[in-house]
């Protein structure tokens, strides 16, 4: 999926949609995501192609190493792919202050 540690925006979007699917399968975690972002569950499906939603999903997932590792394990990918996907989406090139 990754080439030279750089991921295309399209590949990042696909990974973000998979991450949203992962969240949807974790009902408690999905509720935390919805509460954190203020999004309505009903709006998620219609916004799947929205890079801002995709970025929000990955930002949320990246808040906790256990979430990243759970997603990566469930999809049999390297955990680093999540951060690489976030970097490929709009706003991903901004500095991290934490």
N, C-alpha and C. Protein backbone atom coordinates (compact mmCIF):
# COMPACT_ATOMS: atom_id res chain seq x y z
N UNK A 1 0.82 -1.20 0.00
CA UNK A 1 0.00 0.00 0.00
C UNK A 1 0.86 1.25 0.00
N UNK A 2 1.98 1.22 0.71
CA UNK A 2 2.82 2.41 0.77
C UNK A 2 4.02 2.24 -0.12
N UNK A 3 4.45 3.32 -0.68
CA UNK A 3 5.62 3.32 -1.55
C UNK A 3 6.55 4.42 -1.06
N UNK A 4 7.73 4.03 -0.64
CA UNK A 4 8.71 4.99 -0.13
C UNK A 4 8.14 5.82 1.02
N UNK A 5 7.35 5.21 1.90
CA UNK A 5 6.77 5.86 3.07
C UNK A 5 5.81 6.99 2.71
N UNK A 6 5.40 7.10 1.47
CA UNK A 6 4.45 8.12 1.06
C UNK A 6 3.22 7.41 0.54
N UNK A 7 2.08 7.89 0.97
CA UNK A 7 0.82 7.29 0.55
C UNK A 7 0.05 8.31 -0.27
N UNK A 8 -0.61 7.85 -1.31
CA UNK A 8 -1.42 8.75 -2.13
C UNK A 8 -2.66 9.16 -1.34
N UNK A 9 -3.24 10.27 -1.72
CA UNK A 9 -4.46 10.72 -1.06
C UNK A 9 -5.59 9.72 -1.27
N UNK A 10 -5.64 9.10 -2.44
CA UNK A 10 -6.67 8.10 -2.71
C UNK A 10 -6.52 6.89 -1.79
N UNK A 11 -5.30 6.39 -1.65
CA UNK A 11 -5.05 5.25 -0.77
C UNK A 11 -5.36 5.62 0.70
N UNK A 12 -5.01 6.85 1.07
CA UNK A 12 -5.29 7.32 2.43
C UNK A 12 -6.80 7.38 2.68
N UNK A 13 -7.55 7.84 1.68
CA UNK A 13 -9.00 7.89 1.82
C UNK A 13 -9.60 6.52 1.99
N UNK A 14 -9.08 5.55 1.26
CA UNK A 14 -9.57 4.17 1.37
C UNK A 14 -9.28 3.63 2.77
N UNK A 15 -8.08 3.90 3.27
CA UNK A 15 -7.73 3.45 4.60
C UNK A 15 -8.62 4.12 5.65
N UNK A 16 -8.92 5.39 5.46
CA UNK A 16 -9.78 6.10 6.40
C UNK A 16 -11.19 5.53 6.40
N UNK A 17 -11.69 5.15 5.24
CA UNK A 17 -13.02 4.53 5.17
C UNK A 17 -13.01 3.18 5.88
N UNK A 18 -11.93 2.43 5.73
CA UNK A 18 -11.79 1.17 6.46
C UNK A 18 -11.75 1.44 7.97
N UNK A 19 -11.07 2.51 8.36
CA UNK A 19 -11.01 2.87 9.77
C UNK A 19 -12.39 3.24 10.30
N UNK A 20 -13.17 3.92 9.50
CA UNK A 20 -14.54 4.25 9.92
C UNK A 20 -15.35 2.97 10.08
N UNK A 21 -15.16 2.03 9.17
CA UNK A 21 -15.83 0.74 9.30
C UNK A 21 -15.41 0.03 10.58
N UNK A 22 -14.15 0.14 10.91
CA UNK A 22 -13.65 -0.45 12.16
C UNK A 22 -14.34 0.20 13.35
N UNK A 23 -14.42 1.53 13.33
CA UNK A 23 -15.09 2.25 14.42
C UNK A 23 -16.55 1.82 14.53
N UNK A 24 -17.20 1.66 13.39
CA UNK A 24 -18.61 1.28 13.38
C UNK A 24 -18.80 -0.10 14.01
N UNK A 25 -17.80 -0.94 13.89
CA UNK A 25 -17.87 -2.27 14.49
C UNK A 25 -17.57 -2.27 15.98
N UNK A 26 -17.09 -1.16 16.48
CA UNK A 26 -16.78 -0.99 17.90
C UNK A 26 -17.77 0.04 18.44
N UNK A 27 -18.97 -0.40 18.79
CA UNK A 27 -20.06 0.53 19.10
C UNK A 27 -19.68 1.61 20.12
N UNK A 28 -19.00 1.22 21.19
CA UNK A 28 -18.62 2.21 22.20
C UNK A 28 -17.64 3.23 21.62
N UNK A 29 -16.70 2.75 20.83
CA UNK A 29 -15.71 3.63 20.23
C UNK A 29 -16.35 4.55 19.20
N UNK A 30 -17.30 4.03 18.44
CA UNK A 30 -18.01 4.86 17.47
C UNK A 30 -18.73 5.99 18.19
N UNK A 31 -19.35 5.68 19.32
CA UNK A 31 -20.07 6.72 20.07
C UNK A 31 -19.13 7.80 20.58
N UNK A 32 -17.95 7.38 21.02
CA UNK A 32 -16.94 8.36 21.45
C UNK A 32 -16.54 9.24 20.27
N UNK A 33 -16.34 8.63 19.10
CA UNK A 33 -15.99 9.40 17.90
C UNK A 33 -17.09 10.41 17.58
N UNK A 34 -18.33 9.96 17.58
CA UNK A 34 -19.45 10.86 17.27
C UNK A 34 -19.55 11.99 18.29
N UNK A 35 -19.38 11.67 19.55
CA UNK A 35 -19.44 12.70 20.59
C UNK A 35 -18.29 13.69 20.46
N UNK A 36 -17.12 13.18 20.12
CA UNK A 36 -15.94 14.03 20.00
C UNK A 36 -16.05 14.98 18.81
N UNK A 37 -16.55 14.47 17.70
CA UNK A 37 -16.61 15.27 16.48
C UNK A 37 -17.90 16.07 16.34
N UNK A 38 -18.95 15.65 17.05
CA UNK A 38 -20.25 16.30 16.90
C UNK A 38 -20.99 15.86 15.65
N UNK A 39 -20.49 14.83 14.99
CA UNK A 39 -21.15 14.31 13.79
C UNK A 39 -22.32 13.43 14.16
N UNK A 40 -23.28 13.36 13.26
CA UNK A 40 -24.42 12.46 13.43
C UNK A 40 -24.13 11.17 12.68
N UNK A 41 -24.47 10.05 13.28
CA UNK A 41 -24.22 8.75 12.64
C UNK A 41 -24.86 8.69 11.26
N UNK A 42 -26.01 9.31 11.11
CA UNK A 42 -26.72 9.27 9.84
C UNK A 42 -25.97 9.98 8.72
N UNK A 43 -25.11 10.92 9.06
CA UNK A 43 -24.40 11.69 8.03
C UNK A 43 -23.12 11.00 7.55
N UNK A 44 -22.65 10.01 8.27
CA UNK A 44 -21.37 9.40 7.94
C UNK A 44 -21.37 8.75 6.56
N UNK A 45 -22.40 7.99 6.26
CA UNK A 45 -22.45 7.24 5.00
C UNK A 45 -22.40 8.19 3.80
N UNK A 46 -23.10 9.30 3.88
CA UNK A 46 -23.14 10.22 2.74
C UNK A 46 -21.86 11.05 2.61
N UNK A 47 -21.01 11.02 3.63
CA UNK A 47 -19.78 11.82 3.61
C UNK A 47 -18.52 10.97 3.47
N UNK A 48 -18.66 9.71 3.09
CA UNK A 48 -17.49 8.83 3.00
C UNK A 48 -16.39 9.37 2.11
N UNK A 49 -16.73 10.07 1.05
CA UNK A 49 -15.73 10.60 0.12
C UNK A 49 -15.18 11.96 0.54
N UNK A 50 -15.62 12.47 1.67
CA UNK A 50 -15.21 13.78 2.15
C UNK A 50 -13.85 13.68 2.84
N UNK A 51 -12.81 14.30 2.26
CA UNK A 51 -11.48 14.22 2.88
C UNK A 51 -11.44 14.76 4.30
N UNK A 52 -12.31 15.71 4.62
CA UNK A 52 -12.33 16.24 5.98
C UNK A 52 -12.84 15.19 6.97
N UNK A 53 -13.84 14.43 6.57
CA UNK A 53 -14.33 13.34 7.42
C UNK A 53 -13.25 12.26 7.54
N UNK A 54 -12.63 11.93 6.43
CA UNK A 54 -11.57 10.91 6.45
C UNK A 54 -10.45 11.34 7.39
N UNK A 55 -10.07 12.61 7.33
CA UNK A 55 -9.02 13.13 8.21
C UNK A 55 -9.47 13.06 9.67
N UNK A 56 -10.73 13.41 9.92
CA UNK A 56 -11.25 13.37 11.29
C UNK A 56 -11.23 11.96 11.85
N UNK A 57 -11.56 10.98 11.03
CA UNK A 57 -11.54 9.58 11.47
C UNK A 57 -10.12 9.19 11.86
N UNK A 58 -9.16 9.51 11.02
CA UNK A 58 -7.78 9.14 11.32
C UNK A 58 -7.22 9.93 12.50
N UNK A 59 -7.56 11.22 12.59
CA UNK A 59 -7.14 12.01 13.74
C UNK A 59 -7.65 11.37 15.03
N UNK A 60 -8.91 10.97 15.01
CA UNK A 60 -9.50 10.34 16.19
C UNK A 60 -8.77 9.04 16.52
N UNK A 61 -8.59 8.21 15.55
CA UNK A 61 -7.94 6.92 15.76
C UNK A 61 -6.54 7.10 16.32
N UNK A 62 -5.84 8.12 15.82
CA UNK A 62 -4.47 8.37 16.25
C UNK A 62 -4.37 8.95 17.66
N UNK A 63 -5.49 9.24 18.28
CA UNK A 63 -5.48 9.77 19.65
C UNK A 63 -5.06 8.71 20.68
N UNK A 64 -5.17 7.44 20.31
CA UNK A 64 -4.87 6.39 21.28
C UNK A 64 -4.13 5.25 20.58
N UNK A 65 -2.97 4.92 21.07
CA UNK A 65 -2.17 3.85 20.46
C UNK A 65 -2.94 2.54 20.42
N UNK A 66 -3.74 2.25 21.44
CA UNK A 66 -4.50 1.00 21.47
C UNK A 66 -5.50 0.95 20.32
N UNK A 67 -6.09 2.10 19.98
CA UNK A 67 -7.04 2.14 18.87
C UNK A 67 -6.33 1.88 17.56
N UNK A 68 -5.17 2.52 17.39
CA UNK A 68 -4.38 2.33 16.17
C UNK A 68 -3.98 0.87 16.03
N UNK A 69 -3.48 0.32 17.10
CA UNK A 69 -3.03 -1.07 17.06
C UNK A 69 -4.19 -2.04 16.83
N UNK A 70 -5.33 -1.76 17.42
CA UNK A 70 -6.51 -2.60 17.20
C UNK A 70 -6.95 -2.59 15.75
N UNK A 71 -6.99 -1.40 15.17
CA UNK A 71 -7.36 -1.26 13.76
C UNK A 71 -6.33 -1.95 12.87
N UNK A 72 -5.06 -1.67 13.13
CA UNK A 72 -4.00 -2.26 12.30
C UNK A 72 -4.02 -3.78 12.37
N UNK A 73 -4.23 -4.30 13.55
CA UNK A 73 -4.29 -5.75 13.72
C UNK A 73 -5.50 -6.33 12.99
N UNK A 74 -6.64 -5.66 13.11
CA UNK A 74 -7.86 -6.15 12.46
C UNK A 74 -7.73 -6.16 10.94
N UNK A 75 -6.95 -5.24 10.39
CA UNK A 75 -6.79 -5.15 8.94
C UNK A 75 -5.44 -5.65 8.44
N UNK A 76 -4.68 -6.21 9.36
CA UNK A 76 -3.38 -6.79 9.04
C UNK A 76 -2.48 -5.82 8.26
N UNK A 77 -2.36 -4.64 8.82
CA UNK A 77 -1.48 -3.62 8.23
C UNK A 77 -0.52 -3.15 9.32
N UNK A 78 0.54 -2.51 8.90
CA UNK A 78 1.45 -1.90 9.86
C UNK A 78 0.78 -0.68 10.48
N UNK A 79 0.94 -0.52 11.77
CA UNK A 79 0.32 0.60 12.47
C UNK A 79 0.77 1.95 11.88
N UNK A 80 1.97 1.98 11.34
CA UNK A 80 2.50 3.22 10.77
C UNK A 80 1.69 3.70 9.57
N UNK A 81 0.96 2.79 8.94
CA UNK A 81 0.14 3.17 7.79
C UNK A 81 -0.93 4.18 8.17
N UNK A 82 -1.40 4.12 9.41
CA UNK A 82 -2.45 5.05 9.84
C UNK A 82 -1.90 6.48 9.84
N UNK A 83 -0.73 6.67 10.40
CA UNK A 83 -0.12 8.00 10.42
C UNK A 83 0.24 8.46 9.01
N UNK A 84 0.71 7.53 8.18
CA UNK A 84 1.05 7.88 6.80
C UNK A 84 -0.20 8.30 6.03
N UNK A 85 -1.32 7.61 6.28
CA UNK A 85 -2.57 7.97 5.63
C UNK A 85 -3.02 9.35 6.07
N UNK A 86 -2.89 9.63 7.36
CA UNK A 86 -3.30 10.94 7.85
C UNK A 86 -2.46 12.04 7.22
N UNK A 87 -1.17 11.78 7.06
CA UNK A 87 -0.27 12.77 6.47
C UNK A 87 -0.63 13.05 5.02
N UNK A 88 -1.24 12.08 4.33
CA UNK A 88 -1.57 12.23 2.91
C UNK A 88 -2.88 12.98 2.69
N UNK A 89 -3.66 13.16 3.74
CA UNK A 89 -4.94 13.85 3.60
C UNK A 89 -4.78 15.33 3.91
N UNK A 90 -5.73 16.17 3.48
CA UNK A 90 -5.63 17.60 3.75
C UNK A 90 -5.40 17.90 5.23
N UNK A 91 -4.44 18.77 5.49
CA UNK A 91 -4.10 19.15 6.86
C UNK A 91 -3.11 18.22 7.51
N UNK A 92 -2.79 17.13 6.85
CA UNK A 92 -1.88 16.15 7.43
C UNK A 92 -0.43 16.60 7.47
N UNK A 93 -0.14 17.64 6.73
CA UNK A 93 1.24 18.13 6.70
C UNK A 93 1.48 19.22 7.76
N UNK A 94 0.45 19.50 8.57
CA UNK A 94 0.61 20.50 9.61
C UNK A 94 1.44 19.92 10.75
N UNK A 95 2.19 20.76 11.45
CA UNK A 95 3.01 20.25 12.55
C UNK A 95 2.14 19.73 13.69
N UNK A 96 2.61 18.70 14.36
CA UNK A 96 1.93 18.16 15.53
C UNK A 96 2.56 18.78 16.76
N UNK A 97 1.75 19.41 17.58
CA UNK A 97 2.26 20.17 18.73
C UNK A 97 2.26 19.36 20.00
N UNK A 98 1.81 18.11 19.93
CA UNK A 98 1.78 17.32 21.17
C UNK A 98 2.95 16.38 21.24
